[in-house]
Amino acid sequence: MRESRDIEKTMQRHADEVWRVCVLCFHTHADAQDAFQDTFLKYALADDVVFEGDEHRKAWLIRVASNVCKDMLKAAARRTVALDNSRSQSIPAPVDPLTQPASFESEVVNVMRSLDDPPRTPLYLSICEGYTAPEIATMVDAPVNTVYSWLARGKRQLREALR
């Protein structure tokens, strides 16, 4: 297991990026929190992984967060949940969008959530994190041209939905 100092330092540096990945995948705050915690638990337990720098660590965390979210969504699809229960745990709307510009219920986040994955994760990595298509291809283990297609399709869907 990694040292607590290393875990704390990594969480301070990369918690926002991991949190945004988790929030884009889930409509409930609790599910996003679970994915966030699972991601950093995997980091804490992955003491055999050697990182080549902070960008490599960040990319690893984003990929793990994305995979944790996908696994949780697959598991959720297998279980039956009553509609009453799922709606009661929904993320509350922000009180004042001007004081909470990065709130969950913003229009862009809702549109991003509605996209399939892919193109949701590659589009997030490109737009929000600034990764290039070749870097994203390495992170998601896909051909570069496929990533370019996902990005183009995702941007088109985003534009259409935000009109």
N, C-alpha and C. Protein backbone atom coordinates (compact mmCIF):
# COMPACT_ATOMS: atom_id res chain seq x y z
N MET A 1 0.85 -1.18 0.00
CA MET A 1 0.00 0.00 0.00
C MET A 1 0.89 1.25 0.00
N ARG A 2 0.44 2.26 -0.71
CA ARG A 2 1.20 3.51 -0.80
C ARG A 2 1.21 4.23 0.56
N GLU A 3 2.19 5.08 0.74
CA GLU A 3 2.28 5.86 1.97
C GLU A 3 1.15 6.89 2.02
N SER A 4 0.68 7.19 3.20
CA SER A 4 -0.44 8.12 3.35
C SER A 4 -0.08 9.51 2.82
N ARG A 5 1.15 9.91 2.95
CA ARG A 5 1.59 11.22 2.44
C ARG A 5 1.46 11.29 0.92
N ASP A 6 1.84 10.20 0.25
CA ASP A 6 1.72 10.13 -1.22
C ASP A 6 0.25 10.20 -1.63
N ILE A 7 -0.61 9.48 -0.92
CA ILE A 7 -2.04 9.47 -1.24
C ILE A 7 -2.64 10.86 -1.03
N GLU A 8 -2.33 11.50 0.08
CA GLU A 8 -2.85 12.84 0.36
C GLU A 8 -2.39 13.84 -0.69
N LYS A 9 -1.13 13.79 -1.04
CA LYS A 9 -0.56 14.71 -2.03
C LYS A 9 -1.24 14.52 -3.39
N THR A 10 -1.44 13.27 -3.77
CA THR A 10 -2.09 12.96 -5.05
C THR A 10 -3.54 13.43 -5.04
N MET A 11 -4.22 13.21 -3.93
CA MET A 11 -5.61 13.67 -3.84
C MET A 11 -5.70 15.19 -3.92
N GLN A 12 -4.78 15.88 -3.29
CA GLN A 12 -4.79 17.35 -3.36
C GLN A 12 -4.59 17.84 -4.79
N ARG A 13 -3.73 17.16 -5.53
CA ARG A 13 -3.43 17.60 -6.89
C ARG A 13 -4.48 17.19 -7.91
N HIS A 14 -5.06 16.01 -7.75
CA HIS A 14 -5.89 15.46 -8.82
C HIS A 14 -7.33 15.15 -8.45
N ALA A 15 -7.76 15.53 -7.28
CA ALA A 15 -9.12 15.23 -6.85
C ALA A 15 -10.15 15.88 -7.78
N ASP A 16 -9.91 17.11 -8.21
CA ASP A 16 -10.88 17.80 -9.07
C ASP A 16 -11.10 17.08 -10.40
N GLU A 17 -10.01 16.62 -11.02
CA GLU A 17 -10.13 15.93 -12.29
C GLU A 17 -10.88 14.61 -12.13
N VAL A 18 -10.53 13.87 -11.10
CA VAL A 18 -11.20 12.58 -10.85
C VAL A 18 -12.68 12.82 -10.54
N TRP A 19 -12.97 13.83 -9.73
CA TRP A 19 -14.35 14.14 -9.37
C TRP A 19 -15.17 14.49 -10.61
N ARG A 20 -14.61 15.29 -11.52
CA ARG A 20 -15.35 15.65 -12.73
C ARG A 20 -15.67 14.43 -13.59
N VAL A 21 -14.74 13.50 -13.69
CA VAL A 21 -15.01 12.26 -14.44
C VAL A 21 -16.18 11.51 -13.80
N CYS A 22 -16.16 11.41 -12.50
CA CYS A 22 -17.20 10.67 -11.78
C CYS A 22 -18.56 11.36 -11.90
N VAL A 23 -18.57 12.67 -11.82
CA VAL A 23 -19.81 13.42 -11.91
C VAL A 23 -20.43 13.31 -13.30
N LEU A 24 -19.59 13.27 -14.33
CA LEU A 24 -20.12 13.16 -15.68
C LEU A 24 -20.82 11.83 -15.93
N CYS A 25 -20.46 10.83 -15.17
CA CYS A 25 -21.02 9.50 -15.39
C CYS A 25 -22.31 9.24 -14.62
N PHE A 26 -22.52 9.94 -13.52
CA PHE A 26 -23.63 9.60 -12.65
C PHE A 26 -24.57 10.77 -12.41
N HIS A 27 -25.84 10.43 -12.19
CA HIS A 27 -26.86 11.43 -11.89
C HIS A 27 -27.07 11.56 -10.39
N THR A 28 -26.48 10.69 -9.61
CA THR A 28 -26.62 10.79 -8.17
C THR A 28 -25.27 11.11 -7.53
N HIS A 29 -25.35 11.95 -6.54
CA HIS A 29 -24.15 12.39 -5.83
C HIS A 29 -23.47 11.21 -5.14
N ALA A 30 -24.25 10.32 -4.57
CA ALA A 30 -23.70 9.16 -3.84
C ALA A 30 -22.91 8.25 -4.77
N ASP A 31 -23.41 8.01 -5.97
CA ASP A 31 -22.69 7.16 -6.92
C ASP A 31 -21.38 7.81 -7.35
N ALA A 32 -21.40 9.12 -7.58
CA ALA A 32 -20.17 9.83 -7.94
C ALA A 32 -19.15 9.74 -6.80
N GLN A 33 -19.62 9.87 -5.57
CA GLN A 33 -18.73 9.76 -4.42
C GLN A 33 -18.13 8.36 -4.32
N ASP A 34 -18.95 7.34 -4.55
CA ASP A 34 -18.47 5.96 -4.50
C ASP A 34 -17.37 5.72 -5.54
N ALA A 35 -17.61 6.20 -6.75
CA ALA A 35 -16.62 6.03 -7.82
C ALA A 35 -15.33 6.78 -7.48
N PHE A 36 -15.46 7.97 -6.93
CA PHE A 36 -14.31 8.77 -6.52
C PHE A 36 -13.49 8.02 -5.47
N GLN A 37 -14.17 7.50 -4.47
CA GLN A 37 -13.48 6.76 -3.41
C GLN A 37 -12.83 5.49 -3.94
N ASP A 38 -13.53 4.77 -4.80
CA ASP A 38 -12.97 3.55 -5.37
C ASP A 38 -11.71 3.84 -6.18
N THR A 39 -11.73 4.95 -6.90
CA THR A 39 -10.57 5.34 -7.71
C THR A 39 -9.34 5.56 -6.83
N PHE A 40 -9.52 6.31 -5.76
CA PHE A 40 -8.37 6.58 -4.90
C PHE A 40 -8.00 5.37 -4.04
N LEU A 41 -8.94 4.49 -3.79
CA LEU A 41 -8.61 3.23 -3.12
C LEU A 41 -7.72 2.39 -4.03
N LYS A 42 -8.07 2.32 -5.31
CA LYS A 42 -7.24 1.59 -6.26
C LYS A 42 -5.84 2.21 -6.34
N TYR A 43 -5.77 3.53 -6.29
CA TYR A 43 -4.47 4.20 -6.30
C TYR A 43 -3.66 3.80 -5.06
N ALA A 44 -4.31 3.82 -3.91
CA ALA A 44 -3.62 3.49 -2.66
C ALA A 44 -3.09 2.07 -2.68
N LEU A 45 -3.84 1.17 -3.28
CA LEU A 45 -3.45 -0.24 -3.30
C LEU A 45 -2.49 -0.58 -4.44
N ALA A 46 -2.35 0.30 -5.42
CA ALA A 46 -1.50 0.04 -6.59
C ALA A 46 -0.07 0.51 -6.33
N ASP A 47 0.54 -0.03 -5.30
CA ASP A 47 1.90 0.41 -4.97
C ASP A 47 2.95 -0.16 -5.92
N ASP A 48 2.55 -1.10 -6.77
CA ASP A 48 3.48 -1.66 -7.74
C ASP A 48 3.56 -0.82 -9.03
N VAL A 49 2.65 0.14 -9.19
CA VAL A 49 2.64 1.00 -10.37
C VAL A 49 3.62 2.14 -10.16
N VAL A 50 4.55 2.28 -11.11
CA VAL A 50 5.54 3.36 -11.05
C VAL A 50 5.15 4.41 -12.09
N PHE A 51 5.05 5.64 -11.65
CA PHE A 51 4.64 6.72 -12.54
C PHE A 51 5.86 7.48 -13.05
N GLU A 52 5.79 7.89 -14.32
CA GLU A 52 6.89 8.60 -14.95
C GLU A 52 6.82 10.10 -14.71
N GLY A 53 5.85 10.54 -13.97
CA GLY A 53 5.69 11.96 -13.68
C GLY A 53 4.25 12.22 -13.26
N ASP A 54 3.98 13.48 -12.96
CA ASP A 54 2.65 13.85 -12.48
C ASP A 54 1.59 13.70 -13.57
N GLU A 55 1.93 13.99 -14.83
CA GLU A 55 0.96 13.83 -15.92
C GLU A 55 0.60 12.36 -16.10
N HIS A 56 1.56 11.48 -15.97
CA HIS A 56 1.29 10.04 -16.07
C HIS A 56 0.36 9.61 -14.93
N ARG A 57 0.60 10.10 -13.73
CA ARG A 57 -0.25 9.78 -12.57
C ARG A 57 -1.67 10.28 -12.82
N LYS A 58 -1.79 11.50 -13.33
CA LYS A 58 -3.11 12.09 -13.60
C LYS A 58 -3.85 11.28 -14.66
N ALA A 59 -3.16 10.91 -15.73
CA ALA A 59 -3.78 10.11 -16.79
C ALA A 59 -4.22 8.76 -16.24
N TRP A 60 -3.40 8.15 -15.39
CA TRP A 60 -3.74 6.86 -14.80
C TRP A 60 -4.99 6.99 -13.95
N LEU A 61 -5.07 8.03 -13.14
CA LEU A 61 -6.24 8.24 -12.28
C LEU A 61 -7.51 8.47 -13.10
N ILE A 62 -7.40 9.24 -14.16
CA ILE A 62 -8.57 9.51 -15.01
C ILE A 62 -9.04 8.22 -15.67
N ARG A 63 -8.10 7.42 -16.14
CA ARG A 63 -8.48 6.15 -16.77
C ARG A 63 -9.11 5.20 -15.76
N VAL A 64 -8.54 5.12 -14.57
CA VAL A 64 -9.11 4.26 -13.54
C VAL A 64 -10.50 4.75 -13.15
N ALA A 65 -10.67 6.06 -12.99
CA ALA A 65 -11.98 6.62 -12.65
C ALA A 65 -13.01 6.28 -13.72
N SER A 66 -12.61 6.42 -14.97
CA SER A 66 -13.51 6.08 -16.08
C SER A 66 -13.90 4.61 -16.05
N ASN A 67 -12.94 3.75 -15.79
CA ASN A 67 -13.22 2.31 -15.73
C ASN A 67 -14.09 1.96 -14.53
N VAL A 68 -13.84 2.59 -13.39
CA VAL A 68 -14.67 2.36 -12.20
C VAL A 68 -16.11 2.77 -12.49
N CYS A 69 -16.28 3.91 -13.12
CA CYS A 69 -17.63 4.38 -13.47
C CYS A 69 -18.32 3.41 -14.42
N LYS A 70 -17.61 2.95 -15.43
CA LYS A 70 -18.20 1.99 -16.37
C LYS A 70 -18.61 0.71 -15.66
N ASP A 71 -17.75 0.21 -14.77
CA ASP A 71 -18.07 -1.00 -14.03
C ASP A 71 -19.30 -0.80 -13.14
N MET A 72 -19.39 0.35 -12.49
CA MET A 72 -20.54 0.63 -11.64
C MET A 72 -21.82 0.75 -12.46
N LEU A 73 -21.72 1.36 -13.64
CA LEU A 73 -22.90 1.49 -14.50
C LEU A 73 -23.36 0.13 -15.01
N LYS A 74 -22.41 -0.75 -15.34
CA LYS A 74 -22.77 -2.10 -15.78
C LYS A 74 -23.47 -2.85 -14.66
N ALA A 75 -22.93 -2.74 -13.46
CA ALA A 75 -23.54 -3.41 -12.31
C ALA A 75 -24.92 -2.85 -12.02
N ALA A 76 -25.09 -1.54 -12.17
CA ALA A 76 -26.38 -0.91 -11.92
C ALA A 76 -27.41 -1.34 -12.96
N ALA A 77 -26.97 -1.58 -14.17
CA ALA A 77 -27.88 -2.01 -15.22
C ALA A 77 -28.41 -3.41 -14.95
N ARG A 78 -27.67 -4.19 -14.19
CA ARG A 78 -28.08 -5.56 -13.90
C ARG A 78 -29.09 -5.66 -12.77
N ARG A 79 -29.16 -4.65 -11.93
CA ARG A 79 -30.10 -4.72 -10.81
C ARG A 79 -31.34 -3.89 -11.11
N THR A 80 -32.41 -4.23 -10.51
CA THR A 80 -33.67 -3.53 -10.70
C THR A 80 -33.86 -2.55 -9.55
N VAL A 81 -34.14 -1.29 -9.90
CA VAL A 81 -34.36 -0.26 -8.90
C VAL A 81 -35.72 0.37 -9.16
N ALA A 82 -36.50 0.53 -8.11
CA ALA A 82 -37.80 1.17 -8.26
C ALA A 82 -37.60 2.63 -8.65
N LEU A 83 -38.49 3.13 -9.50
CA LEU A 83 -38.36 4.52 -9.95
C LEU A 83 -38.43 5.50 -8.79
N ASP A 84 -39.24 5.21 -7.79
CA ASP A 84 -39.35 6.12 -6.64
C ASP A 84 -38.01 6.28 -5.94
N ASN A 85 -37.26 5.19 -5.77
CA ASN A 85 -35.98 5.25 -5.07
C ASN A 85 -34.94 6.00 -5.88
N SER A 86 -34.88 5.77 -7.19
CA SER A 86 -33.84 6.41 -7.99
C SER A 86 -34.06 7.91 -8.09
N ARG A 87 -35.29 8.37 -8.15
CA ARG A 87 -35.56 9.81 -8.25
C ARG A 87 -35.32 10.52 -6.93
N SER A 88 -35.54 9.85 -5.79
CA SER A 88 -35.37 10.50 -4.50
C SER A 88 -33.90 10.75 -4.18
N GLN A 89 -32.99 10.01 -4.81
CA GLN A 89 -31.57 10.19 -4.54
C GLN A 89 -30.89 11.06 -5.58
N SER A 90 -31.67 11.68 -6.43
CA SER A 90 -31.12 12.51 -7.49
C SER A 90 -30.38 13.71 -6.90
N ILE A 91 -29.39 14.20 -7.62
CA ILE A 91 -28.60 15.34 -7.17
C ILE A 91 -29.50 16.57 -7.13
N PRO A 92 -29.50 17.30 -6.01
CA PRO A 92 -30.35 18.48 -5.90
C PRO A 92 -29.89 19.60 -6.82
N ALA A 93 -30.85 20.36 -7.30
CA ALA A 93 -30.53 21.50 -8.16
C ALA A 93 -29.85 22.57 -7.32
N PRO A 94 -28.89 23.30 -7.91
CA PRO A 94 -28.21 24.35 -7.15
C PRO A 94 -29.18 25.48 -6.80
N VAL A 95 -28.93 26.13 -5.68
CA VAL A 95 -29.78 27.22 -5.24
C VAL A 95 -29.57 28.44 -6.12
N ASP A 96 -28.33 28.78 -6.39
CA ASP A 96 -28.00 29.96 -7.17
C ASP A 96 -26.91 29.62 -8.18
N PRO A 97 -27.26 29.48 -9.47
CA PRO A 97 -26.27 29.10 -10.46
C PRO A 97 -25.14 30.12 -10.62
N LEU A 98 -25.36 31.36 -10.26
CA LEU A 98 -24.30 32.36 -10.37
C LEU A 98 -23.21 32.14 -9.34
N THR A 99 -23.58 31.65 -8.15
CA THR A 99 -22.58 31.40 -7.13
C THR A 99 -22.04 29.98 -7.21
N GLN A 100 -22.67 29.14 -8.03
CA GLN A 100 -22.23 27.76 -8.20
C GLN A 100 -22.10 27.44 -9.69
N PRO A 101 -21.18 28.10 -10.39
CA PRO A 101 -21.08 27.91 -11.84
C PRO A 101 -20.69 26.50 -12.24
N ALA A 102 -20.05 25.74 -11.37
CA ALA A 102 -19.61 24.39 -11.71
C ALA A 102 -20.57 23.35 -11.14
N SER A 103 -21.83 23.73 -10.93
CA SER A 103 -22.80 22.82 -10.34
C SER A 103 -23.12 21.68 -11.30
N PHE A 104 -23.63 20.61 -10.73
CA PHE A 104 -23.92 19.39 -11.48
C PHE A 104 -24.98 19.61 -12.54
N GLU A 105 -25.94 20.43 -12.24
CA GLU A 105 -27.11 20.55 -13.10
C GLU A 105 -26.95 21.56 -14.22
N SER A 106 -25.74 22.01 -14.47
CA SER A 106 -25.55 22.95 -15.57
C SER A 106 -25.92 22.26 -16.88
N GLU A 107 -26.29 23.03 -17.82
CA GLU A 107 -26.75 22.49 -19.10
C GLU A 107 -25.68 21.67 -19.81
N VAL A 108 -24.46 22.13 -19.80
CA VAL A 108 -23.38 21.42 -20.48
C VAL A 108 -23.12 20.07 -19.83
N VAL A 109 -23.11 20.03 -18.51
CA VAL A 109 -22.88 18.77 -17.81
C VAL A 109 -24.00 17.78 -18.11
N ASN A 110 -25.22 18.27 -18.14
CA ASN A 110 -26.34 17.38 -18.47
C ASN A 110 -26.22 16.83 -19.88
N VAL A 111 -25.80 17.67 -20.81
CA VAL A 111 -25.63 17.20 -22.18
C VAL A 111 -24.48 16.19 -22.25
N MET A 112 -23.39 16.49 -21.55
CA MET A 112 -22.26 15.55 -21.53
C MET A 112 -22.69 14.20 -20.94
N ARG A 113 -23.49 14.25 -19.89
CA ARG A 113 -23.98 13.01 -19.28
C ARG A 113 -24.84 12.20 -20.24
N SER A 114 -25.56 12.89 -21.10
CA SER A 114 -26.47 12.19 -22.01
C SER A 114 -25.74 11.51 -23.17
N LEU A 115 -24.48 11.89 -23.40
CA LEU A 115 -23.72 11.27 -24.48
C LEU A 115 -23.36 9.83 -24.12
N ASP A 116 -23.27 8.99 -25.12
CA ASP A 116 -22.79 7.64 -24.90
C ASP A 116 -21.30 7.70 -24.60
N ASP A 117 -20.78 6.60 -24.09
CA ASP A 117 -19.34 6.55 -23.83
C ASP A 117 -18.75 5.41 -24.64
N PRO A 118 -17.94 5.64 -25.63
CA PRO A 118 -17.53 6.92 -26.15
C PRO A 118 -18.68 7.58 -26.91
N PRO A 119 -18.65 8.85 -27.10
CA PRO A 119 -17.57 9.83 -27.09
C PRO A 119 -17.43 10.63 -25.79
N ARG A 120 -18.21 10.35 -24.75
CA ARG A 120 -18.19 11.19 -23.54
C ARG A 120 -16.79 11.31 -22.92
N THR A 121 -16.16 10.18 -22.60
CA THR A 121 -14.86 10.24 -21.91
C THR A 121 -13.78 10.88 -22.79
N PRO A 122 -13.62 10.49 -24.06
CA PRO A 122 -12.61 11.16 -24.89
C PRO A 122 -12.88 12.66 -25.05
N LEU A 123 -14.15 13.03 -25.16
CA LEU A 123 -14.49 14.45 -25.29
C LEU A 123 -14.13 15.20 -24.02
N TYR A 124 -14.42 14.62 -22.87
CA TYR A 124 -14.04 15.24 -21.59
C TYR A 124 -12.52 15.41 -21.51
N LEU A 125 -11.80 14.35 -21.85
CA LEU A 125 -10.33 14.40 -21.78
C LEU A 125 -9.77 15.48 -22.70
N SER A 126 -10.39 15.66 -23.84
CA SER A 126 -9.92 16.65 -24.80
C SER A 126 -10.29 18.07 -24.36
N ILE A 127 -11.56 18.30 -24.08
CA ILE A 127 -12.04 19.64 -23.79
C ILE A 127 -11.63 20.12 -22.40
N CYS A 128 -11.85 19.30 -21.40
CA CYS A 128 -11.63 19.74 -20.02
C CYS A 128 -10.19 19.55 -19.55
N GLU A 129 -9.56 18.47 -19.98
CA GLU A 129 -8.22 18.18 -19.48
C GLU A 129 -7.12 18.57 -20.46
N GLY A 130 -7.48 18.85 -21.72
CA GLY A 130 -6.51 19.34 -22.68
C GLY A 130 -5.62 18.28 -23.32
N TYR A 131 -6.03 17.01 -23.25
CA TYR A 131 -5.23 15.95 -23.86
C TYR A 131 -5.44 15.95 -25.37
N THR A 132 -4.42 15.55 -26.11
CA THR A 132 -4.51 15.43 -27.57
C THR A 132 -5.10 14.06 -27.91
N ALA A 133 -5.53 13.91 -29.15
CA ALA A 133 -6.11 12.64 -29.59
C ALA A 133 -5.11 11.48 -29.44
N PRO A 134 -3.84 11.63 -29.80
CA PRO A 134 -2.91 10.52 -29.58
C PRO A 134 -2.75 10.15 -28.10
N GLU A 135 -2.76 11.15 -27.23
CA GLU A 135 -2.67 10.86 -25.79
C GLU A 135 -3.92 10.13 -25.30
N ILE A 136 -5.08 10.56 -25.77
CA ILE A 136 -6.33 9.91 -25.39
C ILE A 136 -6.36 8.49 -25.91
N ALA A 137 -5.87 8.29 -27.13
CA ALA A 137 -5.84 6.94 -27.71
C ALA A 137 -5.03 6.00 -26.84
N THR A 138 -3.94 6.48 -26.31
CA THR A 138 -3.12 5.67 -25.41
C THR A 138 -3.87 5.38 -24.11
N MET A 139 -4.55 6.39 -23.60
CA MET A 139 -5.25 6.24 -22.32
C MET A 139 -6.42 5.27 -22.41
N VAL A 140 -7.16 5.32 -23.51
CA VAL A 140 -8.35 4.46 -23.63
C VAL A 140 -8.09 3.21 -24.47
N ASP A 141 -6.84 3.05 -24.89
CA ASP A 141 -6.42 1.88 -25.66
C ASP A 141 -7.27 1.70 -26.91
N ALA A 142 -7.25 2.75 -27.75
CA ALA A 142 -8.00 2.74 -29.00
C ALA A 142 -7.13 3.37 -30.09
N PRO A 143 -7.40 3.06 -31.36
CA PRO A 143 -6.65 3.69 -32.45
C PRO A 143 -6.87 5.21 -32.48
N VAL A 144 -5.86 5.94 -32.88
CA VAL A 144 -5.93 7.41 -32.90
C VAL A 144 -7.07 7.89 -33.79
N ASN A 145 -7.23 7.30 -34.96
CA ASN A 145 -8.29 7.75 -35.87
C ASN A 145 -9.67 7.51 -35.27
N THR A 146 -9.82 6.47 -34.48
CA THR A 146 -11.09 6.22 -33.80
C THR A 146 -11.36 7.33 -32.79
N VAL A 147 -10.32 7.75 -32.09
CA VAL A 147 -10.47 8.84 -31.12
C VAL A 147 -10.86 10.13 -31.84
N TYR A 148 -10.24 10.41 -32.98
CA TYR A 148 -10.62 11.59 -33.76
C TYR A 148 -12.11 11.52 -34.15
N SER A 149 -12.58 10.35 -34.54
CA SER A 149 -13.99 10.18 -34.89
C SER A 149 -14.89 10.42 -33.68
N TRP A 150 -14.50 9.86 -32.53
CA TRP A 150 -15.28 10.06 -31.31
C TRP A 150 -15.36 11.54 -30.95
N LEU A 151 -14.23 12.23 -31.06
CA LEU A 151 -14.21 13.65 -30.72
C LEU A 151 -15.10 14.46 -31.67
N ALA A 152 -15.01 14.18 -32.94
CA ALA A 152 -15.84 14.91 -33.92
C ALA A 152 -17.32 14.64 -33.66
N ARG A 153 -17.67 13.38 -33.44
CA ARG A 153 -19.07 13.02 -33.18
C ARG A 153 -19.56 13.66 -31.88
N GLY A 154 -18.74 13.61 -30.84
CA GLY A 154 -19.12 14.19 -29.55
C GLY A 154 -19.31 15.69 -29.63
N LYS A 155 -18.42 16.38 -30.32
CA LYS A 155 -18.55 17.83 -30.48
C LYS A 155 -19.80 18.19 -31.27
N ARG A 156 -20.08 17.40 -32.30
CA ARG A 156 -21.28 17.64 -33.10
C ARG A 156 -22.54 17.45 -32.24
N GLN A 157 -22.58 16.36 -31.46
CA GLN A 157 -23.73 16.10 -30.60
C GLN A 157 -23.88 17.18 -29.53
N LEU A 158 -22.77 17.65 -29.01
CA LEU A 158 -22.78 18.70 -28.00
C LEU A 158 -23.33 19.99 -28.59
N ARG A 159 -22.85 20.36 -29.79
CA ARG A 159 -23.33 21.57 -30.46
C ARG A 159 -24.83 21.50 -30.71
N GLU A 160 -25.29 20.36 -31.23
CA GLU A 160 -26.71 20.20 -31.54
C GLU A 160 -27.58 20.29 -30.29
N ALA A 161 -27.14 19.69 -29.23
CA ALA A 161 -27.92 19.68 -28.00
C ALA A 161 -27.95 21.05 -27.31
N LEU A 162 -26.92 21.85 -27.50
CA LEU A 162 -26.84 23.14 -26.83
C LEU A 162 -27.45 24.29 -27.65
N ARG A 163 -27.97 24.00 -28.82
CA ARG A 163 -28.58 25.05 -29.65
C ARG A 163 -29.90 25.47 -29.10
